[in-house]
Amino acid sequence: MSARPAGPARSGESLAPLLDYRPALVGGQGIGRYVRELARALGELNGVEPRLFAPTRQGVSRRAPRGSRLFAPRLPSRPITALLGASGLGVERLMGGADLVHHTQYRRLPTGRPEVAMIHDLVFLDSARYVSPRVSRRMSAFVRDAARRCSVLLTPSEAVADEVAERLGVERDRVIATPLGVDHALRTVADEGVAGELAAELQRAGPFLFTAARIETRKNLQVILRALERLGPDAPRWKIAGIAGEGAEAFEEGVAASSVAGRVERVGHLSEGALRAHLDACLAFVLVPHDEGFGLAPLEAMAVGCRAISSDVPVVREVCGEAAVLVDPEDESSLAAAIAGLLEEPRSEAAERAAVDHAAGFSWARTAARTVEAYRLAAPDGTCSSPSR
């Protein structure tokens, strides 16, 4: 006989959401950034007590954000979730109960409570263009199951919310956009040593473009390479920070055969301080992916006053607006022209201020408040007093 699901766990009049926090411990950017910053912002709201599920064998910091409860034993998570699922128990049993469970990545935690899932994008749906066939099948199965199981689906942008409703056949009012924050970028101080090295390098070798992204097919780094080839001897240097993903080998082969190979430098994974130093020193941040769920990377650059070039696609238009230079991600000639334009014109304080002001509208406090509204829709009986904003 299956056990009875654990009920809401509250202290007074509080909401206790359980989040899959595993990406926050093992991933620096992307989903990891989203989960980490959301949990921190939720924990700062009055009346919200996040439960964070994050068992992992990896040697990582296990400090809980203020106001939250962290379950992060040094154990592999898959056997734990498999055992809970096979026994009919919910993951909330390990954390003293919860009002709902928030799936933050494309993996479901077993639970008997109301469910919410974040769907970051659908680029993988029934397509192996950007991911392996195995990953495409797994992620597609998750989102279809989430569309059936979850009371509410979350997305990082309205454009993705529209796509989720249409492609998964979900009522649009069940899909809520919770735009991400970017104020974390302002908490990062540039690494002085790296900043000094870059300043000397600029004097010696001239300006450089900067890209921070996983090196994978979806990020469309090849179009940047082709744009630089069009510029020929006038092309600036290009520094790329990021680890290898699906399609990295093809990109590396393209760089090796390129006429501008000597101007391309892979700098690997950078610390937060080194990343900020590169943003402060570069001519512009450039990333023109085929598709995006939100477009956090160019917005992070804009937040610290760095000029940004990105894709003229619905999501990026929604997020970056007119404060970034947007180009067709399939058109290297337009990208080359945009880069040449930045080389020719001096940095504009007015343009930098416009970018900073635009990015300032995206805060994690706003993300958390919007997420709590979605939680209330998903588990109305578990929501009591209104959290302060």
Protein backbone atom coordinates (compact mmCIF):
# COMPACT_ATOMS: atom_id res chain seq x y z
CA MET A 1 0.00 0.00 0.00
CA SER A 2 1.42 3.40 -0.97
CA ALA A 3 2.16 5.89 1.77
CA ARG A 4 0.00 8.93 2.20
CA PRO A 5 1.68 12.05 0.71
CA ALA A 6 3.19 14.47 3.19
CA GLY A 7 1.06 17.57 3.72
CA PRO A 8 2.05 21.23 3.69
CA ALA A 9 4.89 22.19 5.97
CA ARG A 10 4.44 25.68 7.38
CA SER A 11 5.62 27.87 10.20
CA GLY A 12 2.63 30.08 10.96
CA GLU A 13 1.28 31.58 7.75
CA SER A 14 3.99 30.57 5.26
CA LEU A 15 4.38 28.95 1.88
CA ALA A 16 6.84 26.06 1.60
CA PRO A 17 7.82 25.31 -2.01
CA LEU A 18 10.29 22.50 -2.66
CA LEU A 19 12.75 23.28 -5.47
CA ASP A 20 15.02 20.92 -7.35
CA TYR A 21 18.23 22.71 -6.34
CA ARG A 22 20.68 20.28 -7.91
CA PRO A 23 21.55 22.52 -10.89
CA ALA A 24 22.56 25.31 -8.50
CA LEU A 25 25.26 23.17 -6.91
CA VAL A 26 26.76 21.70 -10.05
CA GLY A 27 26.23 24.42 -12.69
CA GLY A 28 27.63 27.94 -12.73
CA GLN A 29 25.57 29.49 -15.52
CA GLY A 30 22.29 28.82 -17.33
CA ILE A 31 19.87 26.72 -15.31
CA GLY A 32 22.28 26.67 -12.37
CA ARG A 33 22.25 30.47 -12.23
CA TYR A 34 18.45 30.56 -12.44
CA VAL A 35 17.93 28.08 -9.60
CA ARG A 36 20.56 29.61 -7.33
CA GLU A 37 19.35 33.19 -7.69
CA LEU A 38 15.66 32.29 -7.52
CA ALA A 39 16.15 30.33 -4.29
CA ARG A 40 18.08 33.22 -2.76
CA ALA A 41 15.37 35.74 -3.73
CA LEU A 42 12.54 33.46 -2.51
CA GLY A 43 14.28 33.06 0.84
CA GLU A 44 14.35 36.85 1.25
CA LEU A 45 10.55 37.12 0.94
CA ASN A 46 8.50 37.21 4.11
CA GLY A 47 6.25 34.18 4.39
CA VAL A 48 8.17 31.94 1.97
CA GLU A 49 10.30 29.05 3.27
CA PRO A 50 12.00 27.27 0.33
CA ARG A 51 13.00 23.62 0.70
CA LEU A 52 15.98 22.88 -1.56
CA PHE A 53 16.58 19.30 -2.73
CA ALA A 54 20.19 18.80 -3.83
CA PRO A 55 21.92 15.52 -2.94
CA THR A 56 25.16 15.16 -4.90
CA ARG A 57 28.44 13.30 -4.55
CA GLN A 58 30.37 16.23 -5.98
CA GLY A 59 32.59 18.28 -3.72
CA VAL A 60 30.67 21.54 -3.73
CA SER A 61 29.61 24.15 -1.18
CA ARG A 62 26.54 23.06 0.72
CA ARG A 63 25.60 26.37 2.29
CA ALA A 64 21.88 27.09 2.23
CA PRO A 65 20.65 30.50 1.06
CA ARG A 66 19.21 32.59 3.89
CA GLY A 67 15.65 31.68 4.80
CA SER A 68 15.73 28.24 3.15
CA ARG A 69 16.21 24.62 4.16
CA LEU A 70 18.78 22.63 2.17
CA PHE A 71 18.86 18.84 1.81
CA ALA A 72 22.26 18.12 0.23
CA PRO A 73 23.87 14.94 1.57
CA ARG A 74 27.00 13.70 -0.18
CA LEU A 75 25.04 10.99 -1.97
CA PRO A 76 24.09 10.38 -5.62
CA SER A 77 20.65 11.82 -6.34
CA ARG A 78 19.39 9.35 -8.94
CA PRO A 79 19.20 6.29 -6.63
CA ILE A 80 17.42 8.42 -4.03
CA THR A 81 14.77 9.66 -6.45
CA ALA A 82 14.41 6.20 -8.02
CA LEU A 83 13.81 4.62 -4.60
CA LEU A 84 11.25 7.28 -3.67
CA GLY A 85 9.45 6.81 -6.97
CA ALA A 86 9.39 3.01 -6.67
CA SER A 87 8.05 3.16 -3.10
CA GLY A 88 5.32 5.68 -3.92
CA LEU A 89 6.81 8.27 -1.58
CA GLY A 90 7.32 11.91 -2.52
CA VAL A 91 10.60 13.77 -2.28
CA GLU A 92 8.89 16.13 0.19
CA ARG A 93 9.09 13.29 2.76
CA LEU A 94 12.81 13.98 3.05
CA MET A 95 12.27 17.64 3.90
CA GLY A 96 9.42 17.70 6.37
CA GLY A 97 6.74 18.23 3.74
CA ALA A 98 6.08 20.95 1.19
CA ASP A 99 3.15 22.82 -0.31
CA LEU A 100 4.28 22.11 -3.88
CA VAL A 101 7.25 20.84 -5.87
CA HIS A 102 9.01 23.03 -8.43
CA HIS A 103 10.86 21.09 -11.15
CA THR A 104 13.63 23.46 -12.24
CA GLN A 105 15.30 21.26 -14.85
CA TYR A 106 14.10 18.69 -17.37
CA ARG A 107 13.86 15.91 -14.78
CA ARG A 108 10.86 15.13 -12.59
CA LEU A 109 11.14 14.59 -8.86
CA PRO A 110 8.64 12.02 -7.50
CA THR A 111 6.01 13.79 -5.43
CA GLY A 112 2.46 13.65 -4.22
CA ARG A 113 2.12 17.43 -3.96
CA PRO A 114 0.98 19.93 -6.65
CA GLU A 115 3.65 20.41 -9.28
CA VAL A 116 5.16 23.37 -11.14
CA ALA A 117 7.78 23.04 -13.88
CA MET A 118 10.09 25.58 -15.47
CA ILE A 119 10.37 25.03 -19.23
CA HIS A 120 13.36 27.10 -20.28
CA ASP A 121 12.80 26.56 -24.02
CA LEU A 122 11.62 23.96 -26.54
CA VAL A 123 14.49 23.89 -29.03
CA PHE A 124 14.91 20.16 -28.40
CA LEU A 125 11.28 19.20 -29.02
CA ASP A 126 11.20 16.32 -31.50
CA SER A 127 14.47 17.51 -32.99
CA ALA A 128 18.08 16.47 -32.59
CA ARG A 129 19.45 19.54 -34.39
CA TYR A 130 20.94 21.03 -31.23
CA VAL A 131 21.10 18.03 -28.88
CA SER A 132 21.65 14.30 -29.23
CA PRO A 133 18.65 12.11 -30.17
CA ARG A 134 18.72 10.56 -26.69
CA VAL A 135 18.62 13.94 -24.95
CA SER A 136 15.92 15.19 -27.33
CA ARG A 137 13.71 12.18 -26.51
CA ARG A 138 14.23 12.54 -22.75
CA MET A 139 13.55 16.27 -22.63
CA SER A 140 10.58 16.03 -24.99
CA ALA A 141 9.08 13.30 -22.81
CA PHE A 142 9.56 15.45 -19.71
CA VAL A 143 7.80 18.55 -21.07
CA ARG A 144 4.87 16.53 -22.42
CA ASP A 145 4.49 14.79 -19.07
CA ALA A 146 4.79 18.16 -17.29
CA ALA A 147 2.03 19.57 -19.48
CA ARG A 148 -0.25 16.81 -18.19
CA ARG A 149 0.85 16.70 -14.56
CA CYS A 150 1.65 20.26 -13.58
CA SER A 151 -0.89 22.77 -12.39
CA VAL A 152 1.26 25.59 -13.74
CA LEU A 153 4.12 25.76 -16.24
CA LEU A 154 6.73 28.50 -15.91
CA THR A 155 8.83 30.00 -18.70
CA PRO A 156 11.54 32.69 -18.67
CA SER A 157 9.83 34.85 -21.31
CA GLU A 158 6.45 35.57 -22.88
CA ALA A 159 7.72 34.34 -26.25
CA VAL A 160 8.51 30.91 -24.82
CA ALA A 161 5.19 30.92 -22.93
CA ASP A 162 3.33 31.40 -26.20
CA GLU A 163 5.33 28.57 -27.81
CA VAL A 164 4.76 26.21 -24.88
CA ALA A 165 1.00 26.81 -24.94
CA GLU A 166 0.83 26.22 -28.69
CA ARG A 167 3.18 23.28 -29.09
CA LEU A 168 2.21 21.39 -25.94
CA GLY A 169 -1.51 22.12 -26.23
CA VAL A 170 -1.73 23.84 -22.84
CA GLU A 171 -4.20 26.57 -21.89
CA ARG A 172 -2.30 29.85 -22.08
CA ASP A 173 -3.40 30.94 -18.61
CA ARG A 174 -1.61 27.88 -17.16
CA VAL A 175 1.70 29.11 -18.59
CA ILE A 176 3.28 31.99 -16.69
CA ALA A 177 6.37 33.91 -17.74
CA THR A 178 8.73 34.70 -14.87
CA PRO A 179 11.48 36.82 -16.51
CA LEU A 180 14.90 36.25 -14.98
CA GLY A 181 16.92 38.80 -13.04
CA VAL A 182 20.30 40.25 -13.88
CA ASP A 183 21.19 42.20 -10.74
CA HIS A 184 23.57 39.41 -9.70
CA ALA A 185 25.98 40.82 -12.29
CA LEU A 186 26.27 44.02 -10.27
CA ARG A 187 27.49 42.11 -7.20
CA THR A 188 30.56 40.85 -9.05
CA VAL A 189 33.82 42.79 -8.79
CA ALA A 190 36.38 42.50 -11.58
CA ASP A 191 39.50 40.47 -10.82
CA GLU A 192 42.22 43.12 -10.60
CA GLY A 193 44.96 40.82 -11.85
CA VAL A 194 42.98 39.79 -14.93
CA ALA A 195 41.93 43.40 -15.55
CA GLY A 196 45.57 44.48 -15.52
CA GLU A 197 46.56 41.76 -17.96
CA LEU A 198 43.74 42.70 -20.32
CA ALA A 199 44.66 46.40 -20.18
CA ALA A 200 48.24 45.61 -21.21
CA GLU A 201 46.97 43.27 -23.91
CA LEU A 202 44.72 45.96 -25.36
CA GLN A 203 47.68 48.29 -25.68
CA ARG A 204 49.71 45.61 -27.41
CA ALA A 205 47.17 43.79 -29.59
CA GLY A 206 44.11 46.01 -29.95
CA PRO A 207 40.39 45.49 -29.16
CA PHE A 208 38.63 42.17 -28.78
CA LEU A 209 35.10 40.81 -28.95
CA PHE A 210 33.99 38.60 -26.08
CA THR A 211 31.62 35.64 -25.95
CA ALA A 212 30.70 33.66 -22.84
CA ALA A 213 28.68 30.57 -23.74
CA ARG A 214 28.85 26.82 -23.96
CA ILE A 215 30.54 25.90 -27.24
CA GLU A 216 27.70 24.08 -28.94
CA THR A 217 25.74 24.11 -32.20
CA ARG A 218 22.78 25.97 -30.74
CA LYS A 219 24.94 28.97 -29.81
CA ASN A 220 25.77 29.52 -33.48
CA LEU A 221 29.38 30.51 -32.93
CA GLN A 222 30.15 29.64 -36.55
CA VAL A 223 28.33 32.76 -37.78
CA ILE A 224 30.62 34.96 -35.65
CA LEU A 225 33.62 33.21 -37.17
CA ARG A 226 32.30 33.80 -40.70
CA ALA A 227 31.61 37.46 -39.90
CA LEU A 228 35.20 37.93 -38.76
CA GLU A 229 36.41 36.26 -41.94
CA ARG A 230 34.43 38.84 -43.93
CA LEU A 231 36.24 41.62 -42.10
CA GLY A 232 39.59 40.11 -43.00
CA PRO A 233 42.61 42.04 -41.69
CA ASP A 234 40.30 44.56 -40.01
CA ALA A 235 38.71 41.89 -37.81
CA PRO A 236 39.13 42.36 -34.05
CA ARG A 237 40.37 39.53 -31.88
CA TRP A 238 37.73 37.21 -30.42
CA LYS A 239 37.91 35.63 -26.96
CA ILE A 240 35.51 32.79 -26.13
CA ALA A 241 34.83 31.68 -22.55
CA GLY A 242 32.95 28.42 -22.14
CA ILE A 243 33.19 24.68 -21.95
CA ALA A 244 32.63 22.28 -24.82
CA GLY A 245 29.12 21.04 -25.58
CA GLU A 246 27.40 19.24 -28.45
CA GLY A 247 28.89 20.43 -31.72
CA ALA A 248 32.12 21.79 -30.19
CA GLU A 249 34.29 19.52 -32.32
CA ALA A 250 32.83 20.87 -35.57
CA PHE A 251 33.39 24.44 -34.37
CA GLU A 252 37.00 23.74 -33.46
CA GLU A 253 37.59 22.26 -36.90
CA GLY A 254 36.09 25.39 -38.44
CA VAL A 255 38.39 27.62 -36.41
CA ALA A 256 41.46 25.58 -37.33
CA ALA A 257 40.68 25.98 -41.05
CA SER A 258 39.71 29.66 -40.79
CA SER A 259 41.64 32.58 -42.24
CA VAL A 260 41.26 34.34 -38.85
CA ALA A 261 42.27 31.37 -36.71
CA GLY A 262 45.12 33.38 -35.20
CA ARG A 263 42.67 35.96 -33.88
CA VAL A 264 40.44 33.46 -32.03
CA GLU A 265 41.29 32.51 -28.45
CA ARG A 266 39.44 30.01 -26.25
CA VAL A 267 39.91 30.98 -22.61
CA GLY A 268 37.88 28.13 -21.08
CA HIS A 269 35.87 28.52 -17.89
CA LEU A 270 36.32 31.90 -16.17
CA SER A 271 35.70 32.85 -12.56
CA GLU A 272 33.05 35.47 -11.91
CA GLY A 273 35.71 38.12 -11.33
CA ALA A 274 37.57 37.23 -14.53
CA LEU A 275 34.30 37.26 -16.48
CA ARG A 276 33.53 40.77 -15.22
CA ALA A 277 37.05 41.92 -16.16
CA HIS A 278 36.54 40.68 -19.72
CA LEU A 279 33.17 42.44 -19.99
CA ASP A 280 34.73 45.68 -18.78
CA ALA A 281 37.61 45.46 -21.28
CA CYS A 282 36.01 44.11 -24.46
CA LEU A 283 34.87 46.04 -27.51
CA ALA A 284 31.48 44.30 -27.23
CA PHE A 285 29.85 41.13 -26.03
CA VAL A 286 28.63 39.09 -29.01
CA LEU A 287 26.35 36.04 -29.01
CA VAL A 288 23.89 35.35 -31.83
CA PRO A 289 22.24 31.99 -31.07
CA HIS A 290 19.69 30.33 -33.34
CA ASP A 291 17.18 30.34 -30.50
CA GLU A 292 16.98 31.32 -26.83
CA GLY A 293 14.74 30.86 -23.84
CA PHE A 294 15.65 34.19 -22.32
CA GLY A 295 18.98 35.68 -23.43
CA LEU A 296 20.60 36.20 -20.04
CA ALA A 297 24.18 36.51 -21.31
CA PRO A 298 23.74 39.71 -23.38
CA LEU A 299 21.55 41.18 -20.62
CA GLU A 300 24.33 40.52 -18.08
CA ALA A 301 26.74 42.38 -20.35
CA MET A 302 24.33 45.29 -20.72
CA ALA A 303 23.86 45.47 -16.94
CA VAL A 304 27.54 46.40 -16.46
CA GLY A 305 27.64 48.86 -19.35
CA CYS A 306 29.07 46.56 -22.01
CA ARG A 307 27.80 46.92 -25.57
CA ALA A 308 26.02 43.78 -26.76
CA ILE A 309 25.30 42.22 -30.16
CA SER A 310 22.75 39.43 -30.22
CA SER A 311 20.07 37.69 -32.29
CA ASP A 312 17.06 39.39 -33.82
CA VAL A 313 14.67 36.67 -32.63
CA PRO A 314 11.45 37.11 -30.59
CA VAL A 315 12.91 36.21 -27.18
CA VAL A 316 15.95 38.48 -27.45
CA ARG A 317 13.83 41.34 -28.81
CA GLU A 318 11.57 40.93 -25.79
CA VAL A 319 14.43 40.87 -23.29
CA CYS A 320 17.05 43.22 -24.74
CA GLY A 321 14.81 45.60 -26.66
CA GLU A 322 16.56 48.41 -28.49
CA ALA A 323 19.40 48.62 -25.97
CA ALA A 324 21.39 45.93 -27.83
CA VAL A 325 22.41 45.63 -31.49
CA LEU A 326 20.29 42.81 -32.93
CA VAL A 327 21.12 40.99 -36.18
CA ASP A 328 19.77 38.05 -38.15
CA PRO A 329 21.55 35.00 -36.68
CA GLU A 330 21.79 33.45 -40.15
CA ASP A 331 23.35 36.52 -41.82
CA GLU A 332 27.10 36.91 -41.26
CA SER A 333 27.23 40.00 -43.49
CA SER A 334 24.87 41.89 -41.15
CA LEU A 335 26.90 40.75 -38.17
CA ALA A 336 30.14 41.83 -39.85
CA ALA A 337 28.62 45.26 -40.52
CA ALA A 338 27.54 45.57 -36.88
CA ILE A 339 31.04 44.70 -35.66
CA ALA A 340 32.62 47.13 -38.12
CA GLY A 341 30.26 49.84 -36.90
CA LEU A 342 31.38 49.35 -33.30
CA LEU A 343 35.03 49.49 -34.39
CA GLU A 344 34.45 52.81 -36.10
CA GLU A 345 32.43 54.59 -33.43
CA PRO A 346 33.75 55.49 -29.96
CA ARG A 347 32.07 54.17 -26.86
CA SER A 348 28.99 56.22 -26.10
CA GLU A 349 28.17 57.03 -22.48
CA ALA A 350 24.55 57.62 -23.49
CA ALA A 351 24.29 54.20 -25.15
CA GLU A 352 25.94 52.51 -22.17
CA ARG A 353 23.57 54.25 -19.78
CA ALA A 354 20.57 53.17 -21.88
CA ALA A 355 21.76 49.57 -21.70
CA VAL A 356 22.33 49.74 -17.95
CA ASP A 357 18.93 51.35 -17.36
CA HIS A 358 17.18 48.75 -19.49
CA ALA A 359 18.86 45.85 -17.68
CA ALA A 360 17.98 47.37 -14.31
CA GLY A 361 14.35 46.46 -14.96
CA PHE A 362 15.19 42.76 -14.56
CA SER A 363 15.64 41.84 -10.89
CA TRP A 364 15.57 38.50 -9.11
CA ALA A 365 13.18 39.98 -6.55
CA ARG A 366 10.72 40.50 -9.40
CA THR A 367 11.34 36.94 -10.60
CA ALA A 368 10.64 35.59 -7.12
CA ALA A 369 7.46 37.64 -6.71
CA ARG A 370 6.14 36.46 -10.06
CA THR A 371 7.06 32.86 -9.19
CA VAL A 372 5.17 33.07 -5.89
CA GLU A 373 2.09 34.22 -7.81
CA ALA A 374 2.40 31.06 -9.91
CA TYR A 375 2.83 28.95 -6.77
CA ARG A 376 -0.44 30.34 -5.42
CA LEU A 377 -2.23 29.27 -8.57
CA ALA A 378 -0.71 25.81 -8.37
CA ALA A 379 -1.40 25.24 -4.67
CA PRO A 380 -4.09 27.71 -3.55
CA ASP A 381 -4.85 25.78 -0.37
CA GLY A 382 -1.20 25.94 0.68
CA THR A 383 -0.87 29.68 0.25
CA CYS A 384 -1.68 31.84 3.26
CA SER A 385 -0.39 35.34 3.90
CA SER A 386 0.91 37.47 1.02
CA PRO A 387 4.73 37.60 0.92
CA SER A 388 6.12 41.11 1.05
CA ARG A 389 7.75 42.38 -2.12
